[in-house]
Amino acid sequence: MPQTPDIEPISKQLTIVVGLTVVGFMAFGLALSFYRNILFEETLKTIEQQNGQITKEIEQGYRDLEYFRSEQFRDKFAKENLGKVQTGEKVLIVTQKGTAAFLETENDAADAERKEAAYLELLRQMPVIEHWKLYLFHRDNIEAMKKAL
């Protein structure tokens, strides 16, 4: 008599596969939910920082508004823009020649660039092992070398 294959092991296998698939989808959903929560918390932190910055700007705006409404600002504005002077006050006009300061700034900048270029050229000509020796053992000499050039 021929033996018929047992159907029961196939149904057990199918039940196990379906159960594992459902558990897998549930684990994936949990991981996705956890990830969304982390993103939401980071977004909240960013928004809190922005709110703090906006609060500081609003407070600064209130301080500026208070200053603009003050008698001190009105007096300053009247003196500077309208030429109003109270009795007993004297006006002192201070003029500066800005070109000399500008030329000194240009010369200082050009001198600093020239020193930086000389320092970089010295480093380019130096072997790499010497770079490491300077960095590891003689860090204080690096600043002295920069200043000397």
C-alpha atoms as a PDB file:
ATOM      1  CA  MET A   1       0.000   0.000   0.000  1.00  0.00           C
ATOM      2  CA  PRO A   2       1.442   3.330  -1.061  1.00  0.00           C
ATOM      3  CA  GLN A   3       2.055   5.892   1.624  1.00  0.00           C
ATOM      4  CA  THR A   4       0.590   9.333   1.122  1.00  0.00           C
ATOM      5  CA  PRO A   5       2.757  12.266   2.051  1.00  0.00           C
ATOM      6  CA  ASP A   6       1.793  13.906   5.239  1.00  0.00           C
ATOM      7  CA  ILE A   7       0.254  17.363   4.640  1.00  0.00           C
ATOM      8  CA  GLU A   8       0.691  18.425   8.200  1.00  0.00           C
ATOM      9  CA  PRO A   9       4.431  19.316   8.019  1.00  0.00           C
ATOM     10  CA  ILE A  10       3.754  21.691   5.070  1.00  0.00           C
ATOM     11  CA  SER A  11       1.072  23.539   7.017  1.00  0.00           C
ATOM     12  CA  LYS A  12       3.406  23.811  10.009  1.00  0.00           C
ATOM     13  CA  GLN A  13       6.160  25.193   7.814  1.00  0.00           C
ATOM     14  CA  LEU A  14       3.764  27.662   6.216  1.00  0.00           C
ATOM     15  CA  THR A  15       2.541  28.793   9.643  1.00  0.00           C
ATOM     16  CA  ILE A  16       6.136  29.329  10.811  1.00  0.00           C
ATOM     17  CA  VAL A  17       7.055  31.314   7.678  1.00  0.00           C
ATOM     18  CA  VAL A  18       3.949  33.515   7.949  1.00  0.00           C
ATOM     19  CA  GLY A  19       4.561  34.057  11.671  1.00  0.00           C
ATOM     20  CA  LEU A  20       8.204  35.041  11.107  1.00  0.00           C
ATOM     21  CA  THR A  21       7.158  37.392   8.309  1.00  0.00           C
ATOM     22  CA  VAL A  22       4.642  39.111  10.580  1.00  0.00           C
ATOM     23  CA  VAL A  23       7.236  39.413  13.361  1.00  0.00           C
ATOM     24  CA  GLY A  24       9.726  40.831  10.846  1.00  0.00           C
ATOM     25  CA  PHE A  25       7.247  43.461   9.677  1.00  0.00           C
ATOM     26  CA  MET A  26       6.481  44.364  13.280  1.00  0.00           C
ATOM     27  CA  ALA A  27      10.215  44.748  14.052  1.00  0.00           C
ATOM     28  CA  PHE A  28      10.656  46.906  10.946  1.00  0.00           C
ATOM     29  CA  GLY A  29       7.700  49.080  12.009  1.00  0.00           C
ATOM     30  CA  LEU A  30       9.179  49.449  15.488  1.00  0.00           C
ATOM     31  CA  ALA A  31      12.578  50.459  14.099  1.00  0.00           C
ATOM     32  CA  LEU A  32      10.950  52.949  11.727  1.00  0.00           C
ATOM     33  CA  SER A  33       8.902  54.431  14.568  1.00  0.00           C
ATOM     34  CA  PHE A  34      12.012  54.741  16.733  1.00  0.00           C
ATOM     35  CA  TYR A  35      13.877  56.493  13.899  1.00  0.00           C
ATOM     36  CA  ARG A  36      10.994  58.934  13.370  1.00  0.00           C
ATOM     37  CA  ASN A  37      10.964  59.727  17.093  1.00  0.00           C
ATOM     38  CA  ILE A  38      14.693  60.510  17.024  1.00  0.00           C
ATOM     39  CA  LEU A  39      14.234  62.807  14.017  1.00  0.00           C
ATOM     40  CA  PHE A  40      11.310  64.521  15.736  1.00  0.00           C
ATOM     41  CA  GLU A  41      13.362  65.118  18.902  1.00  0.00           C
ATOM     42  CA  GLU A  42      16.200  66.637  16.860  1.00  0.00           C
ATOM     43  CA  THR A  43      13.707  68.871  15.072  1.00  0.00           C
ATOM     44  CA  LEU A  44      12.319  69.976  18.439  1.00  0.00           C
ATOM     45  CA  LYS A  45      15.822  70.829  19.686  1.00  0.00           C
ATOM     46  CA  THR A  46      16.479  72.889  16.548  1.00  0.00           C
ATOM     47  CA  ILE A  47      13.182  74.710  16.934  1.00  0.00           C
ATOM     48  CA  GLU A  48      13.948  75.404  20.618  1.00  0.00           C
ATOM     49  CA  GLN A  49      17.301  76.911  19.644  1.00  0.00           C
ATOM     50  CA  GLN A  50      15.635  79.063  17.003  1.00  0.00           C
ATOM     51  CA  ASN A  51      13.016  80.156  19.541  1.00  0.00           C
ATOM     52  CA  GLY A  52      15.765  81.142  21.969  1.00  0.00           C
ATOM     53  CA  GLN A  53      17.498  83.177  19.267  1.00  0.00           C
ATOM     54  CA  ILE A  54      14.246  84.876  18.283  1.00  0.00           C
ATOM     55  CA  THR A  55      13.526  85.629  21.951  1.00  0.00           C
ATOM     56  CA  LYS A  56      16.936  87.295  22.279  1.00  0.00           C
ATOM     57  CA  GLU A  57      16.280  89.333  19.125  1.00  0.00           C
ATOM     58  CA  ILE A  58      12.880  90.421  20.442  1.00  0.00           C
ATOM     59  CA  GLU A  59      14.406  91.459  23.775  1.00  0.00           C
ATOM     60  CA  GLN A  60      17.084  93.438  21.918  1.00  0.00           C
ATOM     61  CA  GLY A  61      14.341  95.054  19.850  1.00  0.00           C
ATOM     62  CA  TYR A  62      12.495  96.089  23.013  1.00  0.00           C
ATOM     63  CA  ARG A  63      15.712  97.565  24.443  1.00  0.00           C
ATOM     64  CA  ASP A  64      16.309  99.471  21.198  1.00  0.00           C
ATOM     65  CA  LEU A  65      12.727 100.719  21.201  1.00  0.00           C
ATOM     66  CA  GLU A  66      13.095 101.874  24.795  1.00  0.00           C
ATOM     67  CA  TYR A  67      16.302 103.713  23.858  1.00  0.00           C
ATOM     68  CA  PHE A  68      14.687 105.348  20.815  1.00  0.00           C
ATOM     69  CA  ARG A  69      11.836 106.600  23.001  1.00  0.00           C
ATOM     70  CA  SER A  70      14.227 107.956  25.640  1.00  0.00           C
ATOM     71  CA  GLU A  71      15.079 111.611  26.156  1.00  0.00           C
ATOM     72  CA  GLN A  72      18.763 110.822  25.637  1.00  0.00           C
ATOM     73  CA  PHE A  73      18.156 109.613  22.074  1.00  0.00           C
ATOM     74  CA  ARG A  74      15.913 112.579  21.264  1.00  0.00           C
ATOM     75  CA  ASP A  75      18.602 114.957  22.461  1.00  0.00           C
ATOM     76  CA  LYS A  76      21.308 113.151  20.497  1.00  0.00           C
ATOM     77  CA  PHE A  77      19.181 113.025  17.349  1.00  0.00           C
ATOM     78  CA  ALA A  78      18.348 116.720  17.593  1.00  0.00           C
ATOM     79  CA  LYS A  79      22.007 117.649  18.010  1.00  0.00           C
ATOM     80  CA  GLU A  80      23.375 115.400  15.265  1.00  0.00           C
ATOM     81  CA  ASN A  81      20.719 115.676  12.570  1.00  0.00           C
ATOM     82  CA  LEU A  82      18.887 118.912  13.237  1.00  0.00           C
ATOM     83  CA  GLY A  83      21.745 121.026  14.570  1.00  0.00           C
ATOM     84  CA  LYS A  84      19.847 121.929  17.745  1.00  0.00           C
ATOM     85  CA  VAL A  85      22.018 123.010  20.639  1.00  0.00           C
ATOM     86  CA  GLN A  86      20.793 123.869  24.109  1.00  0.00           C
ATOM     87  CA  THR A  87      21.805 127.124  25.717  1.00  0.00           C
ATOM     88  CA  GLY A  88      25.219 126.938  27.319  1.00  0.00           C
ATOM     89  CA  GLU A  89      26.395 124.016  25.180  1.00  0.00           C
ATOM     90  CA  LYS A  90      29.310 124.223  22.791  1.00  0.00           C
ATOM     91  CA  VAL A  91      29.724 122.266  19.582  1.00  0.00           C
ATOM     92  CA  LEU A  92      33.008 120.536  18.871  1.00  0.00           C
ATOM     93  CA  ILE A  93      33.564 119.097  15.382  1.00  0.00           C
ATOM     94  CA  VAL A  94      36.236 116.419  15.128  1.00  0.00           C
ATOM     95  CA  THR A  95      37.613 115.610  11.689  1.00  0.00           C
ATOM     96  CA  GLN A  96      39.974 112.764  10.841  1.00  0.00           C
ATOM     97  CA  LYS A  97      41.933 111.993   7.764  1.00  0.00           C
ATOM     98  CA  GLY A  98      40.997 108.420   6.933  1.00  0.00           C
ATOM     99  CA  THR A  99      43.475 107.998   4.084  1.00  0.00           C
ATOM    100  CA  ALA A 100      46.549 107.746   6.333  1.00  0.00           C
ATOM    101  CA  ALA A 101      44.932 105.016   8.395  1.00  0.00           C
ATOM    102  CA  PHE A 102      43.897 103.238   5.208  1.00  0.00           C
ATOM    103  CA  LEU A 103      47.446 103.329   3.820  1.00  0.00           C
ATOM    104  CA  GLU A 104      48.869 102.018   7.089  1.00  0.00           C
ATOM    105  CA  THR A 105      46.336  99.201   7.030  1.00  0.00           C
ATOM    106  CA  GLU A 106      47.318  98.332   3.457  1.00  0.00           C
ATOM    107  CA  ASN A 107      51.024  98.343   4.328  1.00  0.00           C
ATOM    108  CA  ASP A 108      50.417  96.177   7.399  1.00  0.00           C
ATOM    109  CA  ALA A 109      48.337  93.741   5.361  1.00  0.00           C
ATOM    110  CA  ALA A 110      50.944  93.557   2.597  1.00  0.00           C
ATOM    111  CA  ASP A 111      53.702  93.045   5.178  1.00  0.00           C
ATOM    112  CA  ALA A 112      51.729  90.273   6.882  1.00  0.00           C
ATOM    113  CA  GLU A 113      51.101  88.568   3.533  1.00  0.00           C
ATOM    114  CA  ARG A 114      54.788  88.800   2.635  1.00  0.00           C
ATOM    115  CA  LYS A 115      55.790  87.240   5.983  1.00  0.00           C
ATOM    116  CA  GLU A 116      53.218  84.474   5.559  1.00  0.00           C
ATOM    117  CA  ALA A 117      54.488  83.742   2.030  1.00  0.00           C
ATOM    118  CA  ALA A 118      58.104  83.558   3.266  1.00  0.00           C
ATOM    119  CA  TYR A 119      57.080  81.187   6.077  1.00  0.00           C
ATOM    120  CA  LEU A 120      55.160  78.909   3.690  1.00  0.00           C
ATOM    121  CA  GLU A 121      58.073  78.878   1.233  1.00  0.00           C
ATOM    122  CA  LEU A 122      60.427  77.855   4.049  1.00  0.00           C
ATOM    123  CA  LEU A 123      58.052  75.023   4.967  1.00  0.00           C
ATOM    124  CA  ARG A 124      57.853  73.866   1.330  1.00  0.00           C
ATOM    125  CA  GLN A 125      61.631  73.634   1.077  1.00  0.00           C
ATOM    126  CA  MET A 126      61.944  71.762   4.369  1.00  0.00           C
ATOM    127  CA  PRO A 127      61.811  67.913   4.273  1.00  0.00           C
ATOM    128  CA  VAL A 128      58.708  66.283   5.716  1.00  0.00           C
ATOM    129  CA  ILE A 129      60.647  64.642   8.527  1.00  0.00           C
ATOM    130  CA  GLU A 130      61.709  68.111   9.693  1.00  0.00           C
ATOM    131  CA  HIS A 131      58.041  69.165   9.715  1.00  0.00           C
ATOM    132  CA  TRP A 132      57.247  66.278  12.036  1.00  0.00           C
ATOM    133  CA  LYS A 133      60.221  67.022  14.285  1.00  0.00           C
ATOM    134  CA  LEU A 134      59.110  70.635  14.607  1.00  0.00           C
ATOM    135  CA  TYR A 135      55.528  69.628  15.269  1.00  0.00           C
ATOM    136  CA  LEU A 136      56.262  66.895  17.788  1.00  0.00           C
ATOM    137  CA  PHE A 137      59.296  68.202  19.647  1.00  0.00           C
ATOM    138  CA  HIS A 138      59.618  71.956  19.060  1.00  0.00           C
ATOM    139  CA  ARG A 139      56.137  73.456  18.852  1.00  0.00           C
ATOM    140  CA  ASP A 140      57.261  76.674  20.514  1.00  0.00           C
ATOM    141  CA  ASN A 141      59.856  77.158  17.759  1.00  0.00           C
ATOM    142  CA  ILE A 142      57.116  77.176  15.119  1.00  0.00           C
ATOM    143  CA  GLU A 143      55.664  80.448  16.433  1.00  0.00           C
ATOM    144  CA  ALA A 144      59.119  81.921  16.840  1.00  0.00           C
ATOM    145  CA  MET A 145      59.933  81.000  13.236  1.00  0.00           C
ATOM    146  CA  LYS A 146      56.719  82.647  12.026  1.00  0.00           C
ATOM    147  CA  LYS A 147      57.535  85.858  13.890  1.00  0.00           C
ATOM    148  CA  ALA A 148      61.149  85.881  12.697  1.00  0.00           C
ATOM    149  CA  LEU A 149      60.141  85.878   9.062  1.00  0.00           C
END
